[in-house]
Amino acid sequence: MSVRVIAGISKGKRLKSVPGLKTRPTADRVREAIFNIISFQLQDAVVLDLFAGTGAFGIEALSRGAAFSVFIDNDRFVLGMIEKNLQACYMEARSKVIGWNILKNLDCIRSTDPPFGLIFMDPPYGCNYVEKTLINLHASGALAHEAQIIIEHDHTELFSSIGSEFHIYDHRKYGRAMISFLHYTGK
């Protein structure tokens, strides 16, 4: 699947993706719809891209004016691909790539300063990783009050016990993909 940067300073830049089924890059049209919804929140945002895959979410945010983006995944080959994509877009200075088991904890970002205001999460479908990841995000202490969390998940995956610090305020369905928008009200 070909992935490209949709808008901003790196508009049109093709991103490398991992061959095979290791990653499932978000379709350009779905990413474009998401970024149209959150466009007013991008300027100078501190972004976290979890289960980063190609890094397309974080790179798109940087291209559109985000200040800094952290990419986390646990696959070394995927991490190398993200680094190559960042280099190709000249974004290495405004980013950090971390190899980490997100499901174990998110101690790698514990109490990040400044905290993350925009979080993208695109876990593997059918694995029920959303709730565990949200618990780890809250425990990290790295989220800004009123941080926005955007989760891509299979439309059949439900997550109802996410804790009172997270408020789901919108869902959008795009084929098999469901995009859920959450606000973080904890701290």
N, C-alpha and C. Protein backbone atom coordinates (compact mmCIF):
# COMPACT_ATOMS: atom_id res chain seq x y z
N MET A 1 0.84 -1.18 0.00
CA MET A 1 0.00 0.00 0.00
C MET A 1 0.88 1.24 0.00
N SER A 2 0.61 2.14 -0.88
CA SER A 2 1.36 3.38 -0.97
C SER A 2 0.78 4.41 0.01
N VAL A 3 1.66 5.03 0.78
CA VAL A 3 1.25 6.02 1.77
C VAL A 3 1.96 7.32 1.41
N ARG A 4 1.25 8.43 1.49
CA ARG A 4 1.86 9.71 1.19
C ARG A 4 1.47 10.74 2.23
N VAL A 5 2.26 11.78 2.34
CA VAL A 5 1.91 12.91 3.19
C VAL A 5 0.89 13.73 2.42
N ILE A 6 -0.21 14.07 3.06
CA ILE A 6 -1.35 14.68 2.37
C ILE A 6 -1.23 16.20 2.25
N ALA A 7 -0.72 16.87 3.29
CA ALA A 7 -0.68 18.33 3.27
C ALA A 7 0.51 18.84 4.08
N GLY A 8 0.76 20.15 3.95
CA GLY A 8 1.82 20.78 4.72
C GLY A 8 3.15 20.83 3.99
N ILE A 9 4.21 21.00 4.74
CA ILE A 9 5.53 21.21 4.14
C ILE A 9 6.07 19.99 3.41
N SER A 10 5.58 18.80 3.73
CA SER A 10 6.03 17.58 3.05
C SER A 10 4.96 16.98 2.15
N LYS A 11 4.01 17.81 1.75
CA LYS A 11 2.88 17.35 0.93
C LYS A 11 3.37 16.56 -0.28
N GLY A 12 2.73 15.39 -0.49
CA GLY A 12 3.03 14.56 -1.64
C GLY A 12 4.18 13.58 -1.43
N LYS A 13 4.94 13.73 -0.37
CA LYS A 13 6.07 12.85 -0.11
C LYS A 13 5.57 11.44 0.15
N ARG A 14 6.11 10.47 -0.57
CA ARG A 14 5.74 9.06 -0.39
C ARG A 14 6.52 8.50 0.80
N LEU A 15 5.80 7.78 1.65
CA LEU A 15 6.41 7.16 2.82
C LEU A 15 6.61 5.68 2.55
N LYS A 16 7.75 5.18 3.00
CA LYS A 16 8.03 3.75 2.85
C LYS A 16 7.21 2.98 3.88
N SER A 17 6.72 1.82 3.48
CA SER A 17 6.01 0.97 4.42
C SER A 17 6.65 -0.41 4.42
N VAL A 18 6.38 -1.15 5.45
CA VAL A 18 6.95 -2.48 5.61
C VAL A 18 6.19 -3.44 4.71
N PRO A 19 6.92 -4.21 3.87
CA PRO A 19 6.22 -5.16 3.02
C PRO A 19 5.53 -6.26 3.84
N GLY A 20 4.45 -6.79 3.32
CA GLY A 20 3.76 -7.88 3.99
C GLY A 20 2.67 -7.38 4.91
N LEU A 21 2.34 -8.18 5.90
CA LEU A 21 1.20 -7.90 6.77
C LEU A 21 1.61 -7.39 8.15
N LYS A 22 2.89 -7.03 8.33
CA LYS A 22 3.34 -6.54 9.63
C LYS A 22 2.64 -5.26 10.05
N THR A 23 2.40 -4.40 9.10
CA THR A 23 1.70 -3.14 9.39
C THR A 23 0.48 -3.03 8.49
N ARG A 24 -0.43 -2.19 8.90
CA ARG A 24 -1.66 -1.93 8.14
C ARG A 24 -1.80 -0.42 8.06
N PRO A 25 -1.09 0.19 7.10
CA PRO A 25 -1.13 1.66 7.03
C PRO A 25 -2.55 2.18 6.83
N THR A 26 -2.86 3.26 7.51
CA THR A 26 -4.16 3.90 7.37
C THR A 26 -4.28 4.49 5.97
N ALA A 27 -5.39 4.24 5.32
CA ALA A 27 -5.61 4.76 3.96
C ALA A 27 -5.51 6.29 3.96
N ASP A 28 -4.96 6.84 2.89
CA ASP A 28 -4.80 8.29 2.77
C ASP A 28 -6.12 9.02 2.99
N ARG A 29 -7.21 8.51 2.44
CA ARG A 29 -8.51 9.20 2.56
C ARG A 29 -8.99 9.24 4.01
N VAL A 30 -8.70 8.18 4.78
CA VAL A 30 -9.10 8.16 6.19
C VAL A 30 -8.23 9.13 6.98
N ARG A 31 -6.93 9.11 6.73
CA ARG A 31 -6.02 10.04 7.41
C ARG A 31 -6.38 11.49 7.09
N GLU A 32 -6.71 11.74 5.82
CA GLU A 32 -7.11 13.09 5.42
C GLU A 32 -8.37 13.54 6.16
N ALA A 33 -9.34 12.65 6.28
CA ALA A 33 -10.57 12.98 7.01
C ALA A 33 -10.27 13.30 8.48
N ILE A 34 -9.40 12.50 9.10
CA ILE A 34 -9.03 12.74 10.50
C ILE A 34 -8.36 14.10 10.64
N PHE A 35 -7.42 14.40 9.78
CA PHE A 35 -6.69 15.66 9.88
C PHE A 35 -7.56 16.87 9.55
N ASN A 36 -8.57 16.68 8.73
CA ASN A 36 -9.52 17.77 8.48
C ASN A 36 -10.31 18.07 9.76
N ILE A 37 -10.63 17.05 10.52
CA ILE A 37 -11.39 17.22 11.76
C ILE A 37 -10.55 17.93 12.83
N ILE A 38 -9.27 17.60 12.92
CA ILE A 38 -8.43 18.14 14.01
C ILE A 38 -7.49 19.25 13.55
N SER A 39 -7.69 19.79 12.38
CA SER A 39 -6.73 20.75 11.81
C SER A 39 -6.41 21.92 12.73
N PHE A 40 -7.38 22.38 13.49
CA PHE A 40 -7.17 23.54 14.36
C PHE A 40 -6.32 23.20 15.59
N GLN A 41 -6.04 21.92 15.83
CA GLN A 41 -5.26 21.51 17.01
C GLN A 41 -3.81 21.18 16.70
N LEU A 42 -3.39 21.33 15.48
CA LEU A 42 -2.06 20.86 15.07
C LEU A 42 -0.93 21.85 15.33
N GLN A 43 -1.18 23.12 15.21
CA GLN A 43 -0.11 24.11 15.31
C GLN A 43 0.61 24.00 16.65
N ASP A 44 1.91 23.73 16.60
CA ASP A 44 2.78 23.61 17.77
C ASP A 44 2.42 22.49 18.72
N ALA A 45 1.64 21.52 18.28
CA ALA A 45 1.25 20.39 19.12
C ALA A 45 2.44 19.49 19.42
N VAL A 46 2.40 18.86 20.58
CA VAL A 46 3.35 17.80 20.94
C VAL A 46 2.59 16.50 20.75
N VAL A 47 3.08 15.66 19.82
CA VAL A 47 2.33 14.51 19.31
C VAL A 47 2.97 13.20 19.74
N LEU A 48 2.12 12.23 20.03
CA LEU A 48 2.55 10.86 20.32
C LEU A 48 1.87 9.94 19.33
N ASP A 49 2.66 9.14 18.61
CA ASP A 49 2.16 8.19 17.62
C ASP A 49 2.45 6.78 18.13
N LEU A 50 1.42 6.10 18.65
CA LEU A 50 1.56 4.76 19.22
C LEU A 50 1.21 3.70 18.20
N PHE A 51 1.93 2.56 18.26
CA PHE A 51 1.81 1.52 17.24
C PHE A 51 2.05 2.20 15.89
N ALA A 52 3.15 2.89 15.80
CA ALA A 52 3.39 3.89 14.76
C ALA A 52 3.45 3.36 13.33
N GLY A 53 3.82 2.12 13.12
CA GLY A 53 3.84 1.58 11.76
C GLY A 53 4.75 2.37 10.84
N THR A 54 4.21 3.02 9.83
CA THR A 54 5.00 3.83 8.90
C THR A 54 5.37 5.19 9.50
N GLY A 55 4.67 5.57 10.58
CA GLY A 55 4.86 6.90 11.16
C GLY A 55 4.00 7.94 10.48
N ALA A 56 3.06 7.51 9.65
CA ALA A 56 2.27 8.44 8.83
C ALA A 56 1.49 9.46 9.66
N PHE A 57 0.92 9.04 10.79
CA PHE A 57 0.14 10.00 11.59
C PHE A 57 1.05 11.10 12.15
N GLY A 58 2.13 10.71 12.80
CA GLY A 58 3.04 11.69 13.38
C GLY A 58 3.72 12.56 12.34
N ILE A 59 4.09 11.98 11.21
CA ILE A 59 4.73 12.74 10.13
C ILE A 59 3.74 13.73 9.53
N GLU A 60 2.50 13.30 9.33
CA GLU A 60 1.46 14.21 8.80
C GLU A 60 1.27 15.38 9.76
N ALA A 61 1.24 15.09 11.06
CA ALA A 61 1.08 16.17 12.05
C ALA A 61 2.26 17.14 11.99
N LEU A 62 3.48 16.63 11.88
CA LEU A 62 4.65 17.49 11.76
C LEU A 62 4.59 18.33 10.48
N SER A 63 4.19 17.71 9.40
CA SER A 63 4.08 18.42 8.12
C SER A 63 3.10 19.57 8.21
N ARG A 64 2.07 19.42 9.04
CA ARG A 64 1.01 20.43 9.16
C ARG A 64 1.23 21.40 10.32
N GLY A 65 2.39 21.37 10.96
CA GLY A 65 2.69 22.40 11.95
C GLY A 65 2.90 21.96 13.37
N ALA A 66 2.83 20.67 13.67
CA ALA A 66 3.11 20.20 15.02
C ALA A 66 4.57 20.51 15.36
N ALA A 67 4.84 20.75 16.63
CA ALA A 67 6.19 21.11 17.07
C ALA A 67 7.11 19.91 17.18
N PHE A 68 6.59 18.80 17.69
CA PHE A 68 7.43 17.63 17.97
C PHE A 68 6.55 16.39 17.97
N SER A 69 7.13 15.25 17.57
CA SER A 69 6.39 14.00 17.56
C SER A 69 7.27 12.87 18.05
N VAL A 70 6.70 12.03 18.90
CA VAL A 70 7.37 10.81 19.38
C VAL A 70 6.64 9.63 18.76
N PHE A 71 7.42 8.70 18.21
CA PHE A 71 6.89 7.51 17.55
C PHE A 71 7.28 6.30 18.38
N ILE A 72 6.31 5.46 18.74
CA ILE A 72 6.61 4.26 19.52
C ILE A 72 6.03 3.04 18.82
N ASP A 73 6.88 2.04 18.68
CA ASP A 73 6.49 0.74 18.14
C ASP A 73 7.47 -0.26 18.74
N ASN A 74 7.18 -1.55 18.64
CA ASN A 74 8.10 -2.52 19.23
C ASN A 74 8.82 -3.37 18.20
N ASP A 75 8.64 -3.11 16.92
CA ASP A 75 9.28 -3.89 15.86
C ASP A 75 10.48 -3.11 15.32
N ARG A 76 11.66 -3.70 15.39
CA ARG A 76 12.90 -3.01 14.96
C ARG A 76 12.86 -2.62 13.49
N PHE A 77 12.35 -3.50 12.64
CA PHE A 77 12.30 -3.19 11.22
C PHE A 77 11.38 -1.99 10.97
N VAL A 78 10.23 -1.98 11.66
CA VAL A 78 9.28 -0.88 11.54
C VAL A 78 9.93 0.41 12.02
N LEU A 79 10.65 0.35 13.13
CA LEU A 79 11.32 1.55 13.67
C LEU A 79 12.33 2.11 12.67
N GLY A 80 13.06 1.22 12.01
CA GLY A 80 14.01 1.66 10.98
C GLY A 80 13.31 2.34 9.82
N MET A 81 12.13 1.83 9.45
CA MET A 81 11.35 2.43 8.37
C MET A 81 10.87 3.83 8.77
N ILE A 82 10.43 3.98 10.02
CA ILE A 82 9.99 5.30 10.50
C ILE A 82 11.15 6.28 10.43
N GLU A 83 12.33 5.86 10.88
CA GLU A 83 13.51 6.74 10.83
C GLU A 83 13.84 7.15 9.41
N LYS A 84 13.73 6.22 8.46
CA LYS A 84 13.98 6.56 7.05
C LYS A 84 12.94 7.56 6.54
N ASN A 85 11.68 7.38 6.92
CA ASN A 85 10.63 8.31 6.50
C ASN A 85 10.85 9.70 7.09
N LEU A 86 11.28 9.76 8.34
CA LEU A 86 11.57 11.06 8.96
C LEU A 86 12.74 11.75 8.26
N GLN A 87 13.77 10.98 7.93
CA GLN A 87 14.92 11.55 7.21
C GLN A 87 14.50 12.07 5.84
N ALA A 88 13.69 11.30 5.13
CA ALA A 88 13.24 11.70 3.79
C ALA A 88 12.42 12.99 3.84
N CYS A 89 11.74 13.23 4.98
CA CYS A 89 10.92 14.44 5.14
C CYS A 89 11.66 15.54 5.90
N TYR A 90 12.93 15.30 6.23
CA TYR A 90 13.76 16.27 6.96
C TYR A 90 13.13 16.64 8.31
N MET A 91 12.68 15.63 9.04
CA MET A 91 11.99 15.87 10.31
C MET A 91 12.69 15.24 11.51
N GLU A 92 13.92 14.79 11.34
CA GLU A 92 14.61 14.11 12.43
C GLU A 92 14.77 14.99 13.67
N ALA A 93 15.01 16.27 13.49
CA ALA A 93 15.24 17.18 14.62
C ALA A 93 13.97 17.44 15.42
N ARG A 94 12.83 17.18 14.84
CA ARG A 94 11.55 17.45 15.51
C ARG A 94 10.85 16.16 15.91
N SER A 95 11.64 15.08 16.09
CA SER A 95 11.02 13.79 16.37
C SER A 95 11.95 12.90 17.19
N LYS A 96 11.33 11.89 17.74
CA LYS A 96 12.06 10.86 18.48
C LYS A 96 11.38 9.53 18.22
N VAL A 97 12.17 8.49 17.96
CA VAL A 97 11.64 7.16 17.68
C VAL A 97 12.07 6.24 18.82
N ILE A 98 11.09 5.54 19.41
CA ILE A 98 11.35 4.70 20.57
C ILE A 98 10.85 3.28 20.30
N GLY A 99 11.70 2.31 20.55
CA GLY A 99 11.30 0.91 20.52
C GLY A 99 10.83 0.51 21.90
N TRP A 100 9.56 0.09 22.03
CA TRP A 100 9.02 -0.18 23.36
C TRP A 100 7.80 -1.08 23.26
N ASN A 101 7.60 -1.93 24.28
CA ASN A 101 6.40 -2.74 24.37
C ASN A 101 5.31 -1.91 25.04
N ILE A 102 4.45 -1.33 24.24
CA ILE A 102 3.40 -0.42 24.70
C ILE A 102 2.46 -1.09 25.68
N LEU A 103 2.24 -2.39 25.52
CA LEU A 103 1.28 -3.10 26.37
C LEU A 103 1.83 -3.36 27.77
N LYS A 104 3.16 -3.38 27.91
CA LYS A 104 3.77 -3.60 29.22
C LYS A 104 3.60 -2.35 30.09
N ASN A 105 3.99 -1.22 29.54
CA ASN A 105 3.85 0.09 30.20
C ASN A 105 4.31 1.15 29.22
N LEU A 106 4.21 2.39 29.61
CA LEU A 106 4.73 3.49 28.79
C LEU A 106 5.70 4.33 29.63
N ASP A 107 6.50 3.64 30.42
CA ASP A 107 7.50 4.31 31.24
C ASP A 107 8.52 5.10 30.41
N CYS A 108 8.65 4.74 29.14
CA CYS A 108 9.60 5.43 28.26
C CYS A 108 9.22 6.90 28.03
N ILE A 109 7.99 7.26 28.34
CA ILE A 109 7.55 8.65 28.18
C ILE A 109 7.08 9.24 29.50
N ARG A 110 7.37 8.56 30.59
CA ARG A 110 6.89 8.99 31.91
C ARG A 110 7.15 10.46 32.14
N SER A 111 6.08 11.18 32.46
CA SER A 111 6.13 12.60 32.82
C SER A 111 6.88 13.45 31.80
N THR A 112 6.62 13.22 30.53
CA THR A 112 7.22 14.00 29.45
C THR A 112 6.90 15.48 29.64
N ASP A 113 7.88 16.32 29.37
CA ASP A 113 7.68 17.76 29.50
C ASP A 113 8.16 18.45 28.24
N PRO A 114 7.31 19.10 27.49
CA PRO A 114 5.88 19.30 27.76
C PRO A 114 5.10 18.02 27.50
N PRO A 115 3.94 17.89 28.14
CA PRO A 115 3.13 16.69 27.95
C PRO A 115 2.53 16.64 26.55
N PHE A 116 2.09 15.45 26.17
CA PHE A 116 1.50 15.24 24.85
C PHE A 116 0.07 15.77 24.82
N GLY A 117 -0.24 16.55 23.80
CA GLY A 117 -1.57 17.10 23.63
C GLY A 117 -2.38 16.40 22.56
N LEU A 118 -1.69 15.63 21.69
CA LEU A 118 -2.35 14.95 20.59
C LEU A 118 -1.74 13.56 20.46
N ILE A 119 -2.58 12.53 20.59
CA ILE A 119 -2.11 11.16 20.57
C ILE A 119 -2.84 10.39 19.49
N PHE A 120 -2.07 9.69 18.66
CA PHE A 120 -2.63 8.80 17.65
C PHE A 120 -2.32 7.37 18.08
N MET A 121 -3.31 6.51 17.99
CA MET A 121 -3.14 5.12 18.37
C MET A 121 -3.76 4.25 17.28
N ASP A 122 -2.96 3.37 16.71
CA ASP A 122 -3.42 2.50 15.64
C ASP A 122 -2.94 1.07 15.91
N PRO A 123 -3.50 0.42 16.96
CA PRO A 123 -3.05 -0.93 17.31
C PRO A 123 -3.52 -1.96 16.29
N PRO A 124 -2.89 -3.14 16.31
CA PRO A 124 -3.36 -4.21 15.41
C PRO A 124 -4.84 -4.52 15.67
N TYR A 125 -5.55 -4.76 14.60
CA TYR A 125 -6.98 -5.08 14.72
C TYR A 125 -7.16 -6.44 15.40
N GLY A 126 -8.26 -6.56 16.14
CA GLY A 126 -8.66 -7.83 16.71
C GLY A 126 -7.86 -8.29 17.92
N CYS A 127 -7.04 -7.43 18.49
CA CYS A 127 -6.19 -7.83 19.62
C CYS A 127 -6.64 -7.22 20.95
N ASN A 128 -7.61 -6.33 20.92
CA ASN A 128 -8.12 -5.67 22.12
C ASN A 128 -7.02 -4.97 22.91
N TYR A 129 -6.20 -4.19 22.22
CA TYR A 129 -5.10 -3.46 22.86
C TYR A 129 -5.50 -2.07 23.35
N VAL A 130 -6.66 -1.57 22.96
CA VAL A 130 -7.02 -0.18 23.23
C VAL A 130 -7.09 0.11 24.72
N GLU A 131 -7.86 -0.68 25.46
CA GLU A 131 -8.04 -0.40 26.89
C GLU A 131 -6.72 -0.47 27.65
N LYS A 132 -5.92 -1.49 27.40
CA LYS A 132 -4.62 -1.63 28.09
C LYS A 132 -3.71 -0.44 27.76
N THR A 133 -3.72 -0.01 26.52
CA THR A 133 -2.88 1.12 26.12
C THR A 133 -3.35 2.41 26.80
N LEU A 134 -4.65 2.61 26.88
CA LEU A 134 -5.17 3.80 27.56
C LEU A 134 -4.80 3.80 29.05
N ILE A 135 -4.86 2.64 29.68
CA ILE A 135 -4.44 2.53 31.08
C ILE A 135 -2.97 2.92 31.22
N ASN A 136 -2.13 2.42 30.32
CA ASN A 136 -0.70 2.74 30.36
C ASN A 136 -0.43 4.21 30.05
N LEU A 137 -1.21 4.78 29.15
CA LEU A 137 -1.08 6.22 28.86
C LEU A 137 -1.37 7.05 30.10
N HIS A 138 -2.46 6.74 30.77
CA HIS A 138 -2.83 7.47 31.99
C HIS A 138 -1.73 7.32 33.05
N ALA A 139 -1.25 6.10 33.24
CA ALA A 139 -0.22 5.84 34.25
C ALA A 139 1.10 6.53 33.94
N SER A 140 1.35 6.84 32.69
CA SER A 140 2.62 7.47 32.30
C SER A 140 2.76 8.89 32.82
N GLY A 141 1.64 9.57 33.07
CA GLY A 141 1.69 10.96 33.50
C GLY A 141 2.16 11.89 32.40
N ALA A 142 2.10 11.42 31.14
CA ALA A 142 2.64 12.19 30.02
C ALA A 142 1.59 12.89 29.18
N LEU A 143 0.33 12.88 29.63
CA LEU A 143 -0.73 13.50 28.85
C LEU A 143 -1.10 14.87 29.41
N ALA A 144 -1.28 15.82 28.52
CA ALA A 144 -1.77 17.14 28.92
C ALA A 144 -3.24 17.03 29.29
N HIS A 145 -3.69 17.88 30.19
CA HIS A 145 -5.11 17.94 30.50
C HIS A 145 -5.83 18.35 29.21
N GLU A 146 -6.89 17.67 28.89
CA GLU A 146 -7.66 17.89 27.66
C GLU A 146 -6.92 17.43 26.40
N ALA A 147 -5.97 16.53 26.57
CA ALA A 147 -5.30 15.94 25.40
C ALA A 147 -6.35 15.24 24.54
N GLN A 148 -6.11 15.24 23.24
CA GLN A 148 -7.00 14.56 22.31
C GLN A 148 -6.34 13.26 21.89
N ILE A 149 -7.11 12.18 21.94
CA ILE A 149 -6.62 10.86 21.56
C ILE A 149 -7.48 10.36 20.40
N ILE A 150 -6.81 9.97 19.33
CA ILE A 150 -7.50 9.49 18.14
C ILE A 150 -7.08 8.04 17.95
N ILE A 151 -8.07 7.16 17.95
CA ILE A 151 -7.80 5.72 17.89
C ILE A 151 -8.43 5.14 16.63
N GLU A 152 -7.60 4.45 15.84
CA GLU A 152 -8.14 3.67 14.73
C GLU A 152 -8.23 2.23 15.20
N HIS A 153 -9.41 1.64 15.04
CA HIS A 153 -9.60 0.25 15.45
C HIS A 153 -10.63 -0.40 14.56
N ASP A 154 -10.73 -1.71 14.64
CA ASP A 154 -11.73 -2.44 13.88
C ASP A 154 -13.12 -2.02 14.37
N HIS A 155 -14.05 -1.87 13.45
CA HIS A 155 -15.38 -1.40 13.83
C HIS A 155 -16.11 -2.35 14.77
N THR A 156 -15.66 -3.60 14.86
CA THR A 156 -16.30 -4.56 15.77
C THR A 156 -15.71 -4.51 17.18
N GLU A 157 -14.57 -3.85 17.33
CA GLU A 157 -13.92 -3.78 18.64
C GLU A 157 -14.54 -2.68 19.49
N LEU A 158 -15.03 -3.08 20.65
CA LEU A 158 -15.64 -2.13 21.58
C LEU A 158 -14.72 -1.98 22.78
N PHE A 159 -14.69 -0.81 23.34
CA PHE A 159 -13.93 -0.60 24.58
C PHE A 159 -14.76 0.31 25.47
N SER A 160 -15.36 -0.30 26.46
CA SER A 160 -16.29 0.45 27.30
C SER A 160 -15.75 0.75 28.68
N SER A 161 -14.78 -0.02 29.15
CA SER A 161 -14.26 0.21 30.50
C SER A 161 -12.91 0.91 30.41
N ILE A 162 -12.94 2.15 29.93
CA ILE A 162 -11.69 2.88 29.72
C ILE A 162 -11.35 3.83 30.85
N GLY A 163 -12.20 3.94 31.82
CA GLY A 163 -11.92 4.82 32.95
C GLY A 163 -12.52 6.20 32.76
N SER A 164 -12.80 6.84 33.86
CA SER A 164 -13.47 8.13 33.82
C SER A 164 -12.59 9.27 33.32
N GLU A 165 -11.27 9.05 33.25
CA GLU A 165 -10.38 10.10 32.77
C GLU A 165 -10.40 10.26 31.24
N PHE A 166 -11.06 9.33 30.55
CA PHE A 166 -11.19 9.39 29.10
C PHE A 166 -12.66 9.55 28.73
N HIS A 167 -12.93 10.47 27.83
CA HIS A 167 -14.29 10.73 27.38
C HIS A 167 -14.35 10.57 25.87
N ILE A 168 -15.12 9.59 25.40
CA ILE A 168 -15.32 9.39 23.95
C ILE A 168 -16.36 10.39 23.49
N TYR A 169 -15.99 11.24 22.54
CA TYR A 169 -16.95 12.23 22.09
C TYR A 169 -17.36 12.09 20.63
N ASP A 170 -16.72 11.19 19.87
CA ASP A 170 -17.11 11.02 18.48
C ASP A 170 -16.58 9.70 17.95
N HIS A 171 -17.29 9.13 16.99
CA HIS A 171 -16.86 7.94 16.24
C HIS A 171 -17.13 8.21 14.77
N ARG A 172 -16.24 7.75 13.92
CA ARG A 172 -16.45 7.83 12.47
C ARG A 172 -16.07 6.47 11.88
N LYS A 173 -16.91 5.93 11.02
CA LYS A 173 -16.65 4.63 10.41
C LYS A 173 -16.22 4.82 8.96
N TYR A 174 -15.13 4.17 8.59
CA TYR A 174 -14.60 4.20 7.22
C TYR A 174 -14.33 2.77 6.81
N GLY A 175 -15.30 2.12 6.17
CA GLY A 175 -15.15 0.71 5.82
C GLY A 175 -15.04 -0.11 7.10
N ARG A 176 -13.99 -0.92 7.19
CA ARG A 176 -13.76 -1.74 8.39
C ARG A 176 -13.22 -0.91 9.56
N ALA A 177 -12.63 0.22 9.25
CA ALA A 177 -11.98 1.04 10.27
C ALA A 177 -12.99 1.93 11.00
N MET A 178 -12.84 1.99 12.31
CA MET A 178 -13.59 2.92 13.14
C MET A 178 -12.56 3.88 13.74
N ILE A 179 -12.86 5.15 13.66
CA ILE A 179 -12.01 6.17 14.28
C ILE A 179 -12.77 6.70 15.48
N SER A 180 -12.18 6.57 16.67
CA SER A 180 -12.78 7.07 17.89
C SER A 180 -11.98 8.26 18.38
N PHE A 181 -12.67 9.31 18.77
CA PHE A 181 -12.05 10.54 19.27
C PHE A 181 -12.32 10.64 20.77
N LEU A 182 -11.28 10.80 21.55
CA LEU A 182 -11.40 10.88 23.01
C LEU A 182 -10.72 12.14 23.52
N HIS A 183 -11.23 12.65 24.62
CA HIS A 183 -10.55 13.70 25.39
C HIS A 183 -10.04 13.08 26.67
N TYR A 184 -8.88 13.52 27.12
CA TYR A 184 -8.33 13.08 28.39
C TYR A 184 -8.65 14.16 29.42
N THR A 185 -9.35 13.78 30.46
CA THR A 185 -9.74 14.76 31.48
C THR A 185 -9.03 14.52 32.80
N GLY A 186 -8.13 13.58 32.83
CA GLY A 186 -7.41 13.25 34.07
C GLY A 186 -6.27 14.20 34.34
N LYS A 187 -5.58 14.00 35.40
CA LYS A 187 -4.35 14.64 35.87
C LYS A 187 -4.34 14.72 37.34
